[in-house]
C-alpha atoms as a PDB file:
ATOM      1  CA  MET A   1      87.185 152.398-158.376  1.00  0.00           C
ATOM      2  CA  ALA A   2      85.231 152.479-155.225  1.00  0.00           C
ATOM      3  CA  ASP A   3      86.246 150.504-151.578  1.00  0.00           C
ATOM      4  CA  LEU A   4      84.562 149.895-148.896  1.00  0.00           C
ATOM      5  CA  SER A   5      85.421 152.990-147.295  1.00  0.00           C
ATOM      6  CA  ILE A   6      82.447 154.907-149.278  1.00  0.00           C
ATOM      7  CA  PHE A   7      80.265 152.728-146.736  1.00  0.00           C
ATOM      8  CA  ALA A   8      81.370 154.734-144.168  1.00  0.00           C
ATOM      9  CA  GLY A   9      79.463 157.724-145.851  1.00  0.00           C
ATOM     10  CA  ASP A  10      76.330 159.173-143.870  1.00  0.00           C
ATOM     11  CA  GLU A  11      74.146 157.516-146.989  1.00  0.00           C
ATOM     12  CA  PHE A  12      74.590 154.397-145.558  1.00  0.00           C
ATOM     13  CA  GLY A  13      74.233 155.285-142.272  1.00  0.00           C
ATOM     14  CA  ARG A  14      71.064 153.136-140.605  1.00  0.00           C
ATOM     15  CA  ILE A  15      68.837 156.163-140.684  1.00  0.00           C
ATOM     16  CA  ALA A  16      69.312 156.406-144.308  1.00  0.00           C
ATOM     17  CA  MET A  17      69.033 152.570-145.022  1.00  0.00           C
ATOM     18  CA  THR A  18      65.923 151.972-142.486  1.00  0.00           C
ATOM     19  CA  HIS A  19      64.245 155.339-145.006  1.00  0.00           C
ATOM     20  CA  ALA A  20      65.085 153.363-147.838  1.00  0.00           C
ATOM     21  CA  ILE A  21      63.682 150.126-147.247  1.00  0.00           C
ATOM     22  CA  ASN A  22      60.983 151.535-146.088  1.00  0.00           C
ATOM     23  CA  GLN A  23      60.157 153.573-149.195  1.00  0.00           C
ATOM     24  CA  PRO A  24      57.390 152.039-152.305  1.00  0.00           C
ATOM     25  CA  VAL A  25      58.443 150.099-154.862  1.00  0.00           C
ATOM     26  CA  GLU A  26      58.181 151.393-157.712  1.00  0.00           C
ATOM     27  CA  GLY A  27      55.633 149.642-160.444  1.00  0.00           C
ATOM     28  CA  GLN A  28      55.028 147.270-156.519  1.00  0.00           C
ATOM     29  CA  ALA A  29      51.766 145.226-156.863  1.00  0.00           C
ATOM     30  CA  VAL A  30      48.890 146.401-155.173  1.00  0.00           C
ATOM     31  CA  PRO A  31      48.660 144.619-151.884  1.00  0.00           C
ATOM     32  CA  THR A  32      46.530 141.346-151.880  1.00  0.00           C
ATOM     33  CA  ARG A  33      42.754 141.255-150.342  1.00  0.00           C
ATOM     34  CA  LEU A  34      44.174 140.112-147.289  1.00  0.00           C
ATOM     35  CA  ASP A  35      46.383 142.459-146.564  1.00  0.00           C
ATOM     36  CA  THR A  36      43.944 145.348-146.781  1.00  0.00           C
ATOM     37  CA  LEU A  37      41.706 143.877-144.128  1.00  0.00           C
ATOM     38  CA  PHE A  38      45.220 144.849-141.639  1.00  0.00           C
ATOM     39  CA  GLU A  39      45.125 147.849-139.923  1.00  0.00           C
ATOM     40  CA  GLU A  40      48.981 148.805-139.297  1.00  0.00           C
ATOM     41  CA  SER A  41      50.553 150.706-136.635  1.00  0.00           C
ATOM     42  CA  GLY A  42      53.660 151.409-134.824  1.00  0.00           C
ATOM     43  CA  VAL A  43      53.875 150.643-131.194  1.00  0.00           C
ATOM     44  CA  THR A  44      56.757 151.842-129.103  1.00  0.00           C
ATOM     45  CA  THR A  45      57.257 148.005-126.749  1.00  0.00           C
ATOM     46  CA  THR A  46      57.959 144.819-128.115  1.00  0.00           C
ATOM     47  CA  ALA A  47      54.113 143.749-126.362  1.00  0.00           C
ATOM     48  CA  VAL A  48      51.032 144.253-127.054  1.00  0.00           C
ATOM     49  CA  PHE A  49      48.143 144.080-125.132  1.00  0.00           C
ATOM     50  CA  ILE A  50      44.654 143.278-126.360  1.00  0.00           C
ATOM     51  CA  GLU A  51      41.956 144.455-123.439  1.00  0.00           C
ATOM     52  CA  ARG A  52      38.920 141.749-123.490  1.00  0.00           C
ATOM     53  CA  GLU A  53      35.946 142.512-121.937  1.00  0.00           C
ATOM     54  CA  ASN A  54      33.311 139.557-120.298  1.00  0.00           C
ATOM     55  CA  ASP A  55      30.268 140.780-120.331  1.00  0.00           C
ATOM     56  CA  ASN A  56      26.996 140.725-121.564  1.00  0.00           C
ATOM     57  CA  LEU A  57      24.179 143.706-122.219  1.00  0.00           C
ATOM     58  CA  THR A  58      20.571 142.331-120.931  1.00  0.00           C
ATOM     59  CA  LEU A  59      17.029 144.359-120.875  1.00  0.00           C
ATOM     60  CA  VAL A  60      15.947 146.718-117.921  1.00  0.00           C
ATOM     61  CA  PRO A  61      12.735 145.380-116.583  1.00  0.00           C
ATOM     62  CA  ALA A  62      10.152 148.051-116.949  1.00  0.00           C
ATOM     63  CA  ALA A  63       9.065 148.913-112.720  1.00  0.00           C
ATOM     64  CA  GLU A  64       6.469 151.226-111.514  1.00  0.00           C
ATOM     65  CA  ARG A  65       7.731 155.139-111.158  1.00  0.00           C
ATOM     66  CA  GLY A  66       9.874 155.507-107.778  1.00  0.00           C
ATOM     67  CA  SER A  67      10.918 151.654-107.091  1.00  0.00           C
ATOM     68  CA  PRO A  68      14.568 150.347-106.561  1.00  0.00           C
ATOM     69  CA  SER A  69      16.645 150.993-110.130  1.00  0.00           C
ATOM     70  CA  ASP A  70      17.877 147.549-111.414  1.00  0.00           C
ATOM     71  CA  PRO A  71      21.915 147.727-111.157  1.00  0.00           C
ATOM     72  CA  THR A  72      23.964 147.674-113.919  1.00  0.00           C
ATOM     73  CA  THR A  73      27.166 145.919-112.786  1.00  0.00           C
ATOM     74  CA  ALA A  74      30.495 147.002-114.531  1.00  0.00           C
ATOM     75  CA  GLY A  75      31.940 144.481-117.130  1.00  0.00           C
ATOM     76  CA  LYS A  76      35.291 141.721-116.130  1.00  0.00           C
ATOM     77  CA  ARG A  77      37.830 143.012-117.767  1.00  0.00           C
ATOM     78  CA  ASP A  78      41.246 141.500-118.390  1.00  0.00           C
ATOM     79  CA  MET A  79      44.376 142.077-120.528  1.00  0.00           C
ATOM     80  CA  VAL A  80      46.067 139.289-122.915  1.00  0.00           C
ATOM     81  CA  PRO A  81      49.775 139.657-123.998  1.00  0.00           C
ATOM     82  CA  PHE A  82      51.124 139.262-126.625  1.00  0.00           C
ATOM     83  CA  GLN A  83      54.861 139.287-127.949  1.00  0.00           C
ATOM     84  CA  THR A  84      56.023 140.895-131.512  1.00  0.00           C
ATOM     85  CA  ILE A  85      57.783 138.783-133.526  1.00  0.00           C
ATOM     86  CA  HIS A  86      61.159 139.327-134.696  1.00  0.00           C
ATOM     87  CA  LEU A  87      61.979 139.020-137.947  1.00  0.00           C
ATOM     88  CA  PRO A  88      65.450 139.161-138.709  1.00  0.00           C
ATOM     89  CA  THR A  89      67.982 138.696-142.313  1.00  0.00           C
ATOM     90  CA  ARG A  90      71.258 139.330-143.589  1.00  0.00           C
ATOM     91  CA  ALA A  91      72.780 139.493-146.454  1.00  0.00           C
ATOM     92  CA  VAL A  92      76.644 140.223-147.395  1.00  0.00           C
ATOM     93  CA  ILE A  93      78.446 142.509-149.895  1.00  0.00           C
ATOM     94  CA  ARG A  94      81.599 141.516-150.360  1.00  0.00           C
ATOM     95  CA  ALA A  95      85.038 143.462-150.908  1.00  0.00           C
ATOM     96  CA  ASP A  96      85.773 142.323-154.649  1.00  0.00           C
ATOM     97  CA  GLU A  97      81.823 143.077-155.422  1.00  0.00           C
ATOM     98  CA  VAL A  98      82.816 146.823-154.169  1.00  0.00           C
ATOM     99  CA  GLN A  99      86.330 147.304-155.581  1.00  0.00           C
ATOM    100  CA  GLY A 100      85.508 146.160-158.797  1.00  0.00           C
ATOM    101  CA  ILE A 101      82.853 148.814-159.564  1.00  0.00           C
ATOM    102  CA  ARG A 102      83.711 152.191-161.476  1.00  0.00           C
ATOM    103  CA  ALA A 103      81.939 155.100-162.497  1.00  0.00           C
ATOM    104  CA  PHE A 104      80.064 154.553-165.491  1.00  0.00           C
ATOM    105  CA  GLY A 105      77.882 156.795-167.627  1.00  0.00           C
ATOM    106  CA  THR A 106      76.202 159.437-165.757  1.00  0.00           C
ATOM    107  CA  GLU A 107      76.043 157.348-162.508  1.00  0.00           C
ATOM    108  CA  SER A 108      78.738 157.845-160.196  1.00  0.00           C
ATOM    109  CA  GLU A 109      80.396 155.161-158.380  1.00  0.00           C
ATOM    110  CA  LEU A 110      78.504 155.960-154.908  1.00  0.00           C
ATOM    111  CA  GLU A 111      75.767 155.577-157.411  1.00  0.00           C
ATOM    112  CA  THR A 112      76.775 153.028-158.384  1.00  0.00           C
ATOM    113  CA  VAL A 113      77.189 151.088-155.014  1.00  0.00           C
ATOM    114  CA  GLN A 114      73.720 152.393-153.868  1.00  0.00           C
ATOM    115  CA  ALA A 115      71.866 150.741-156.496  1.00  0.00           C
ATOM    116  CA  MET A 116      73.394 147.595-155.609  1.00  0.00           C
ATOM    117  CA  VAL A 117      72.692 147.981-152.214  1.00  0.00           C
ATOM    118  CA  ASP A 118      69.482 148.628-152.810  1.00  0.00           C
ATOM    119  CA  LYS A 119      68.879 146.085-154.387  1.00  0.00           C
ATOM    120  CA  ARG A 120      70.087 144.015-151.465  1.00  0.00           C
ATOM    121  CA  LEU A 121      67.745 145.570-149.260  1.00  0.00           C
ATOM    122  CA  MET A 122      64.119 145.082-151.867  1.00  0.00           C
ATOM    123  CA  LYS A 123      64.985 141.216-151.674  1.00  0.00           C
ATOM    124  CA  MET A 124      65.179 140.941-147.981  1.00  0.00           C
ATOM    125  CA  ARG A 125      62.199 142.970-148.120  1.00  0.00           C
ATOM    126  CA  LYS A 126      60.299 141.475-149.925  1.00  0.00           C
ATOM    127  CA  ARG A 127      61.237 137.872-147.455  1.00  0.00           C
ATOM    128  CA  ILE A 128      60.207 139.733-144.913  1.00  0.00           C
ATOM    129  CA  GLU A 129      56.987 141.192-146.726  1.00  0.00           C
ATOM    130  CA  SER A 130      56.263 137.189-147.867  1.00  0.00           C
ATOM    131  CA  THR A 131      56.452 136.056-143.849  1.00  0.00           C
ATOM    132  CA  ILE A 132      54.251 138.887-142.603  1.00  0.00           C
ATOM    133  CA  ARG A 133      51.634 137.880-144.859  1.00  0.00           C
ATOM    134  CA  PHE A 134      52.179 134.677-143.990  1.00  0.00           C
ATOM    135  CA  GLN A 135      51.418 135.448-140.469  1.00  0.00           C
ATOM    136  CA  ARG A 136      48.370 137.233-141.520  1.00  0.00           C
ATOM    137  CA  VAL A 137      46.870 134.258-142.983  1.00  0.00           C
ATOM    138  CA  GLY A 138      47.550 132.769-139.409  1.00  0.00           C
ATOM    139  CA  ALA A 139      45.478 135.708-137.672  1.00  0.00           C
ATOM    140  CA  ILE A 140      42.776 134.497-139.734  1.00  0.00           C
ATOM    141  CA  THR A 141      42.908 130.293-139.734  1.00  0.00           C
ATOM    142  CA  GLY A 142      43.868 131.288-135.470  1.00  0.00           C
ATOM    143  CA  LYS A 143      47.591 129.748-135.782  1.00  0.00           C
ATOM    144  CA  VAL A 144      50.293 131.388-136.534  1.00  0.00           C
ATOM    145  CA  TYR A 145      53.039 129.016-137.900  1.00  0.00           C
ATOM    146  CA  ASP A 146      57.351 129.847-138.103  1.00  0.00           C
ATOM    147  CA  ALA A 147      58.577 129.447-141.398  1.00  0.00           C
ATOM    148  CA  ASP A 148      59.210 125.578-141.008  1.00  0.00           C
ATOM    149  CA  GLY A 149      55.144 125.539-141.335  1.00  0.00           C
ATOM    150  CA  THR A 150      54.688 123.504-137.997  1.00  0.00           C
ATOM    151  CA  SER A 151      56.072 124.960-135.473  1.00  0.00           C
ATOM    152  CA  VAL A 152      53.696 127.479-133.445  1.00  0.00           C
ATOM    153  CA  LEU A 153      54.079 130.400-133.064  1.00  0.00           C
ATOM    154  CA  LEU A 154      50.624 131.576-131.445  1.00  0.00           C
ATOM    155  CA  ASP A 155      47.808 129.997-130.967  1.00  0.00           C
ATOM    156  CA  LEU A 156      44.741 132.676-130.636  1.00  0.00           C
ATOM    157  CA  TYR A 157      42.180 130.338-129.808  1.00  0.00           C
ATOM    158  CA  ALA A 158      44.586 129.426-126.727  1.00  0.00           C
ATOM    159  CA  ARG A 159      45.708 132.916-125.630  1.00  0.00           C
ATOM    160  CA  PHE A 160      41.693 133.984-125.621  1.00  0.00           C
ATOM    161  CA  ALA A 161      40.541 130.391-123.947  1.00  0.00           C
ATOM    162  CA  ILE A 162      38.148 129.780-126.580  1.00  0.00           C
ATOM    163  CA  GLU A 163      36.891 127.945-129.010  1.00  0.00           C
ATOM    164  CA  GLN A 164      37.270 128.124-132.971  1.00  0.00           C
ATOM    165  CA  GLN A 165      33.738 128.157-134.653  1.00  0.00           C
ATOM    166  CA  THR A 166      32.879 125.979-137.332  1.00  0.00           C
ATOM    167  CA  VAL A 167      30.370 125.190-139.912  1.00  0.00           C
ATOM    168  CA  ALA A 168      30.402 122.263-142.161  1.00  0.00           C
ATOM    169  CA  PHE A 169      29.244 122.318-145.604  1.00  0.00           C
ATOM    170  CA  ALA A 170      28.704 118.861-146.232  1.00  0.00           C
ATOM    171  CA  MET A 171      29.336 119.753-150.421  1.00  0.00           C
ATOM    172  CA  ASN A 172      29.766 115.403-150.579  1.00  0.00           C
ATOM    173  CA  ALA A 173      25.739 115.098-150.687  1.00  0.00           C
ATOM    174  CA  SER A 174      24.255 117.429-153.680  1.00  0.00           C
ATOM    175  CA  GLU A 175      21.459 117.737-152.036  1.00  0.00           C
ATOM    176  CA  THR A 176      22.674 120.643-149.641  1.00  0.00           C
ATOM    177  CA  LYS A 177      21.479 123.678-149.431  1.00  0.00           C
ATOM    178  CA  LEU A 178      24.565 125.607-149.282  1.00  0.00           C
ATOM    179  CA  LEU A 179      23.278 129.355-149.083  1.00  0.00           C
ATOM    180  CA  ALA A 180      21.750 128.275-145.862  1.00  0.00           C
ATOM    181  CA  LYS A 181      25.315 127.267-144.462  1.00  0.00           C
ATOM    182  CA  VAL A 182      26.394 129.897-145.737  1.00  0.00           C
ATOM    183  CA  THR A 183      23.893 131.682-144.102  1.00  0.00           C
ATOM    184  CA  GLU A 184      24.257 129.885-140.657  1.00  0.00           C
ATOM    185  CA  ALA A 185      28.334 130.784-140.409  1.00  0.00           C
ATOM    186  CA  LYS A 186      26.865 134.715-141.531  1.00  0.00           C
ATOM    187  CA  ARG A 187      24.873 134.907-138.536  1.00  0.00           C
ATOM    188  CA  ARG A 188      26.951 132.920-136.114  1.00  0.00           C
ATOM    189  CA  ALA A 189      30.295 135.418-136.944  1.00  0.00           C
ATOM    190  CA  GLU A 190      27.152 138.518-136.305  1.00  0.00           C
ATOM    191  CA  ASP A 191      26.349 136.947-133.077  1.00  0.00           C
ATOM    192  CA  ALA A 192      30.572 137.081-132.200  1.00  0.00           C
ATOM    193  CA  ILE A 193      30.466 140.845-133.689  1.00  0.00           C
ATOM    194  CA  GLY A 194      27.513 141.274-131.636  1.00  0.00           C
ATOM    195  CA  GLY A 195      27.501 145.475-130.702  1.00  0.00           C
ATOM    196  CA  THR A 196      31.424 146.039-131.252  1.00  0.00           C
ATOM    197  CA  GLY A 197      31.339 146.828-135.204  1.00  0.00           C
ATOM    198  CA  ILE A 198      28.831 146.778-138.220  1.00  0.00           C
ATOM    199  CA  ILE A 199      29.789 144.822-140.483  1.00  0.00           C
ATOM    200  CA  ALA A 200      30.052 146.294-144.514  1.00  0.00           C
ATOM    201  CA  GLY A 201      30.434 143.019-146.389  1.00  0.00           C
ATOM    202  CA  TRP A 202      31.287 139.415-146.433  1.00  0.00           C
ATOM    203  CA  LEU A 203      34.596 137.713-147.531  1.00  0.00           C
ATOM    204  CA  GLY A 204      35.422 134.085-148.528  1.00  0.00           C
ATOM    205  CA  ILE A 205      38.705 133.001-148.114  1.00  0.00           C
ATOM    206  CA  ALA A 206      38.634 129.725-149.440  1.00  0.00           C
ATOM    207  CA  GLY A 207      41.588 126.687-149.939  1.00  0.00           C
ATOM    208  CA  ARG A 208      42.367 125.555-153.357  1.00  0.00           C
ATOM    209  CA  ASN A 209      40.196 122.313-153.008  1.00  0.00           C
ATOM    210  CA  TRP A 210      37.194 123.630-151.142  1.00  0.00           C
ATOM    211  CA  PHE A 211      37.120 126.303-153.673  1.00  0.00           C
ATOM    212  CA  ASP A 212      36.644 123.801-156.602  1.00  0.00           C
ATOM    213  CA  SER A 213      34.111 121.704-154.263  1.00  0.00           C
ATOM    214  CA  PHE A 214      32.146 124.652-153.610  1.00  0.00           C
ATOM    215  CA  THR A 215      31.526 125.781-157.109  1.00  0.00           C
ATOM    216  CA  ASN A 216      31.250 122.156-158.841  1.00  0.00           C
ATOM    217  CA  HIS A 217      28.270 122.031-156.431  1.00  0.00           C
ATOM    218  CA  ASP A 218      24.516 121.355-156.996  1.00  0.00           C
ATOM    219  CA  SER A 219      23.848 124.646-155.225  1.00  0.00           C
ATOM    220  CA  VAL A 220      26.120 126.842-156.857  1.00  0.00           C
ATOM    221  CA  GLN A 221      25.999 125.576-160.414  1.00  0.00           C
ATOM    222  CA  LYS A 222      21.932 126.030-160.757  1.00  0.00           C
ATOM    223  CA  ALA A 223      22.267 129.604-159.159  1.00  0.00           C
ATOM    224  CA  PHE A 224      24.380 130.137-161.644  1.00  0.00           C
ATOM    225  CA  ASP A 225      22.836 128.254-164.511  1.00  0.00           C
ATOM    226  CA  ARG A 226      21.442 130.807-166.170  1.00  0.00           C
ATOM    227  CA  TRP A 227      22.683 133.814-165.572  1.00  0.00           C
ATOM    228  CA  ASN A 228      23.852 135.849-168.477  1.00  0.00           C
ATOM    229  CA  ASP A 229      23.396 132.831-170.225  1.00  0.00           C
ATOM    230  CA  GLY A 230      25.721 130.238-168.061  1.00  0.00           C
ATOM    231  CA  GLN A 231      28.583 132.584-168.590  1.00  0.00           C
ATOM    232  CA  PHE A 232      29.260 131.484-164.690  1.00  0.00           C
ATOM    233  CA  LEU A 233      29.850 127.961-165.815  1.00  0.00           C
ATOM    234  CA  ARG A 234      32.652 128.941-168.168  1.00  0.00           C
ATOM    235  CA  ASP A 235      34.313 131.368-166.363  1.00  0.00           C
ATOM    236  CA  ASP A 236      37.643 130.729-163.858  1.00  0.00           C
ATOM    237  CA  HIS A 237      36.771 132.494-160.738  1.00  0.00           C
ATOM    238  CA  ARG A 238      39.936 131.448-158.743  1.00  0.00           C
ATOM    239  CA  ARG A 239      41.569 135.310-159.074  1.00  0.00           C
ATOM    240  CA  ASP A 240      38.263 137.522-158.649  1.00  0.00           C
ATOM    241  CA  GLY A 241      36.049 135.621-156.797  1.00  0.00           C
ATOM    242  CA  PHE A 242      32.189 135.788-157.171  1.00  0.00           C
ATOM    243  CA  SER A 243      29.123 136.475-155.092  1.00  0.00           C
ATOM    244  CA  PHE A 244      27.180 133.650-153.627  1.00  0.00           C
ATOM    245  CA  GLY A 245      25.508 134.448-150.369  1.00  0.00           C
ATOM    246  CA  GLY A 246      25.970 137.452-150.387  1.00  0.00           C
ATOM    247  CA  VAL A 247      29.767 136.299-149.739  1.00  0.00           C
ATOM    248  CA  ASN A 248      32.666 137.506-152.090  1.00  0.00           C
ATOM    249  CA  TRP A 249      34.123 134.169-152.503  1.00  0.00           C
ATOM    250  CA  GLU A 250      37.937 134.202-153.547  1.00  0.00           C
ATOM    251  CA  GLU A 251      40.464 131.412-154.114  1.00  0.00           C
ATOM    252  CA  PHE A 252      43.492 131.654-151.833  1.00  0.00           C
ATOM    253  CA  TYR A 253      46.573 129.804-152.437  1.00  0.00           C
ATOM    254  CA  GLY A 254      50.146 130.418-151.014  1.00  0.00           C
ATOM    255  CA  ASN A 255      53.269 128.620-151.130  1.00  0.00           C
ATOM    256  CA  LEU A 256      56.455 129.311-150.693  1.00  0.00           C
ATOM    257  CA  GLY A 257      59.608 126.907-150.196  1.00  0.00           C
ATOM    258  CA  GLY A 258      57.065 124.088-150.108  1.00  0.00           C
ATOM    259  CA  VAL A 259      55.152 126.017-147.010  1.00  0.00           C
ATOM    260  CA  LEU A 260      51.078 126.301-147.604  1.00  0.00           C
ATOM    261  CA  PHE A 261      50.043 129.276-146.250  1.00  0.00           C
ATOM    262  CA  MET A 262      46.586 127.567-145.919  1.00  0.00           C
ATOM    263  CA  ASP A 263      44.746 123.940-145.567  1.00  0.00           C
ATOM    264  CA  PRO A 264      43.515 123.105-149.186  1.00  0.00           C
ATOM    265  CA  ASP A 265      40.440 121.680-147.858  1.00  0.00           C
ATOM    266  CA  VAL A 266      38.833 124.596-145.793  1.00  0.00           C
ATOM    267  CA  ALA A 267      37.969 128.281-146.345  1.00  0.00           C
ATOM    268  CA  TYR A 268      36.975 131.067-143.683  1.00  0.00           C
ATOM    269  CA  LEU A 269      34.440 133.134-143.778  1.00  0.00           C
ATOM    270  CA  VAL A 270      35.890 136.978-142.653  1.00  0.00           C
ATOM    271  CA  PRO A 271      33.251 139.928-141.712  1.00  0.00           C
ATOM    272  CA  VAL A 272      34.688 143.067-143.317  1.00  0.00           C
ATOM    273  CA  GLY A 273      35.105 146.501-142.694  1.00  0.00           C
ATOM    274  CA  VAL A 274      34.723 146.135-138.463  1.00  0.00           C
ATOM    275  CA  ASP A 275      36.629 148.646-137.073  1.00  0.00           C
ATOM    276  CA  GLY A 276      40.133 146.891-134.994  1.00  0.00           C
ATOM    277  CA  LEU A 277      38.958 143.091-136.169  1.00  0.00           C
ATOM    278  CA  PHE A 278      42.300 142.866-137.617  1.00  0.00           C
ATOM    279  CA  ILE A 279      45.914 144.628-136.893  1.00  0.00           C
ATOM    280  CA  THR A 280      49.573 144.635-138.018  1.00  0.00           C
ATOM    281  CA  ASN A 281      51.177 146.125-134.611  1.00  0.00           C
ATOM    282  CA  TYR A 282      55.073 147.013-135.557  1.00  0.00           C
ATOM    283  CA  ALA A 283      57.745 147.070-132.547  1.00  0.00           C
ATOM    284  CA  PRO A 284      60.719 149.584-132.682  1.00  0.00           C
ATOM    285  CA  ALA A 285      64.506 147.431-133.791  1.00  0.00           C
ATOM    286  CA  ASP A 286      66.456 146.153-130.992  1.00  0.00           C
ATOM    287  CA  TYR A 287      69.408 148.811-131.664  1.00  0.00           C
ATOM    288  CA  MET A 288      70.066 151.352-128.948  1.00  0.00           C
ATOM    289  CA  GLU A 289      68.936 154.667-131.064  1.00  0.00           C
ATOM    290  CA  THR A 290      65.127 152.727-131.804  1.00  0.00           C
ATOM    291  CA  VAL A 291      64.496 151.187-128.066  1.00  0.00           C
ATOM    292  CA  ASN A 292      61.241 153.192-127.219  1.00  0.00           C
ATOM    293  CA  THR A 293      60.729 154.705-130.414  1.00  0.00           C
ATOM    294  CA  THR A 294      57.780 154.152-132.344  1.00  0.00           C
ATOM    295  CA  GLY A 295      58.133 150.999-135.109  1.00  0.00           C
ATOM    296  CA  VAL A 296      58.035 151.171-138.431  1.00  0.00           C
ATOM    297  CA  PRO A 297      57.225 148.102-140.842  1.00  0.00           C
ATOM    298  CA  PHE A 298      61.076 147.506-142.077  1.00  0.00           C
ATOM    299  CA  TYR A 299      64.587 148.271-140.520  1.00  0.00           C
ATOM    300  CA  ALA A 300      68.282 148.183-141.952  1.00  0.00           C
ATOM    301  CA  SER A 301      71.939 148.593-141.453  1.00  0.00           C
ATOM    302  CA  GLN A 302      75.085 147.258-142.002  1.00  0.00           C
ATOM    303  CA  GLU A 303      78.463 146.914-140.731  1.00  0.00           C
ATOM    304  CA  PRO A 304      81.540 146.069-142.058  1.00  0.00           C
ATOM    305  CA  LEU A 305      82.938 141.729-141.790  1.00  0.00           C
ATOM    306  CA  ARG A 306      85.838 140.880-139.936  1.00  0.00           C
ATOM    307  CA  HIS A 307      88.792 142.398-141.000  1.00  0.00           C
ATOM    308  CA  ASN A 308      87.404 144.483-143.467  1.00  0.00           C
ATOM    309  CA  LYS A 309      86.376 141.544-146.445  1.00  0.00           C
ATOM    310  CA  GLY A 310      82.871 143.460-146.888  1.00  0.00           C
ATOM    311  CA  ILE A 311      79.874 144.079-145.805  1.00  0.00           C
ATOM    312  CA  ASP A 312      77.308 142.482-143.387  1.00  0.00           C
ATOM    313  CA  MET A 313      73.569 143.929-144.244  1.00  0.00           C
ATOM    314  CA  GLU A 314      70.725 143.053-141.853  1.00  0.00           C
ATOM    315  CA  ALA A 315      66.762 144.168-142.120  1.00  0.00           C
ATOM    316  CA  GLN A 316      64.409 143.475-139.739  1.00  0.00           C
ATOM    317  CA  SER A 317      60.719 143.448-139.040  1.00  0.00           C
ATOM    318  CA  ASN A 318      59.227 143.078-135.479  1.00  0.00           C
ATOM    319  CA  PRO A 319      55.623 142.573-136.232  1.00  0.00           C
ATOM    320  CA  LEU A 320      52.414 141.187-134.445  1.00  0.00           C
ATOM    321  CA  SER A 321      49.082 140.705-136.843  1.00  0.00           C
ATOM    322  CA  LEU A 322      46.772 139.450-134.631  1.00  0.00           C
ATOM    323  CA  CYS A 323      42.375 138.877-134.928  1.00  0.00           C
ATOM    324  CA  THR A 324      40.989 141.168-132.044  1.00  0.00           C
ATOM    325  CA  LEU A 325      37.741 138.641-132.140  1.00  0.00           C
ATOM    326  CA  PRO A 326      38.990 135.208-133.593  1.00  0.00           C
ATOM    327  CA  ARG A 327      35.011 133.384-132.671  1.00  0.00           C
ATOM    328  CA  ALA A 328      34.048 135.999-135.506  1.00  0.00           C
ATOM    329  CA  ILE A 329      36.091 134.455-138.500  1.00  0.00           C
ATOM    330  CA  ILE A 330      34.506 130.918-139.065  1.00  0.00           C
ATOM    331  CA  LYS A 331      35.705 127.652-140.343  1.00  0.00           C
ATOM    332  CA  LEU A 332      34.079 126.400-142.969  1.00  0.00           C
ATOM    333  CA  THR A 333      35.099 122.374-143.902  1.00  0.00           C
ATOM    334  CA  LYS A 334      34.070 120.707-146.890  1.00  0.00           C
END
C-alpha cells in the first residue's frame, strides 16, 4: 500500500510537476482559430510594457538643389505598462485516497499515484486554458473580464486612451449593401495598421445573433443564391465559416459557468497575419526558485496539508493577452 511519503520523491517535486503540466496532452483538440492569432512568449517580470509612437509620416516637398532641407522630427514615444494576471487554482489529494492504492498488474504504486496526480493536474490545466481563452476574447473585444464576467480586469481602450472603431451594419433594412459595409470596416482597419504590418487576410468573429442576421440578410442570400445550385443556403456555416467580401466569417460562442465569452449581438473584424498584433506573455510563478526566470504557460507544485492529512496541489499561470493596436479591430453591430 502507498502512503503520503511517496510525495517526497523527485517525481513530485516542483520542477517535475511543472514539466508534467506543460506537456502536450495526447489526443488534445487542436487550438481554436482564436488561439492561433496570438503569439506566445515568456517574460522575466510581472509587468509588460508596450511602446507606442505617436508619429505620422508626411511627404517630403520638392525644393531647389542647395536649398534648406525639410526637417524630419523625432516621433513622440511613450511606454504603456500592463500587469500580468495571476491565475492560481488548487486541488487536494486526501491521505485516504493514497493509502488505499496498491500495485496492480504491471503498474507500481508510484505509477498509480502519478496517474492520479496527472489527472488532477490536467483538470486544473483545462480550467486555466479556458480562462486564458476567455481573456483572449477580451483582448479582441477590448475589455478583459474576471471570472464573474462583469469585473473588468483590463480596458485596452482606456489604457491606450483611444476610442474603439465601430461600423453599424444596419441589417434590419433589407436594402443595406453589406459588401459596402464590409469594405468600410476593412478600410478603417487598414488605416489603423498603416505601415506597421502587412495584412495577409481577414477574419470575422461573430456572435450568434449577429451571425444569424448576417447569413439571413438579402445581400448575403443573393450573393450565394446561384453558387453550387444554392448549396450555401442549405448548409450550416457556423463552425467552418464562409467567405464574403474577402473575409472568412465564423460564429464564435463561448459559455462557461454561465459566463458568456462575447456579446451575441456583435461581431469583430480582425486583420490576420500582422506580426505582433496579438500577444500572450507569460510571467514567472511567485515561487522563490522561479522569480526572474523566463515564464512558462503553466506551473504546478505540491505540499503536505496540516497534520499530514493529504497533499495540497497548486497549478497557476500568469498570462497577459493583448492586442497591441486595438483600433485595428473593428466592432460590427447589427
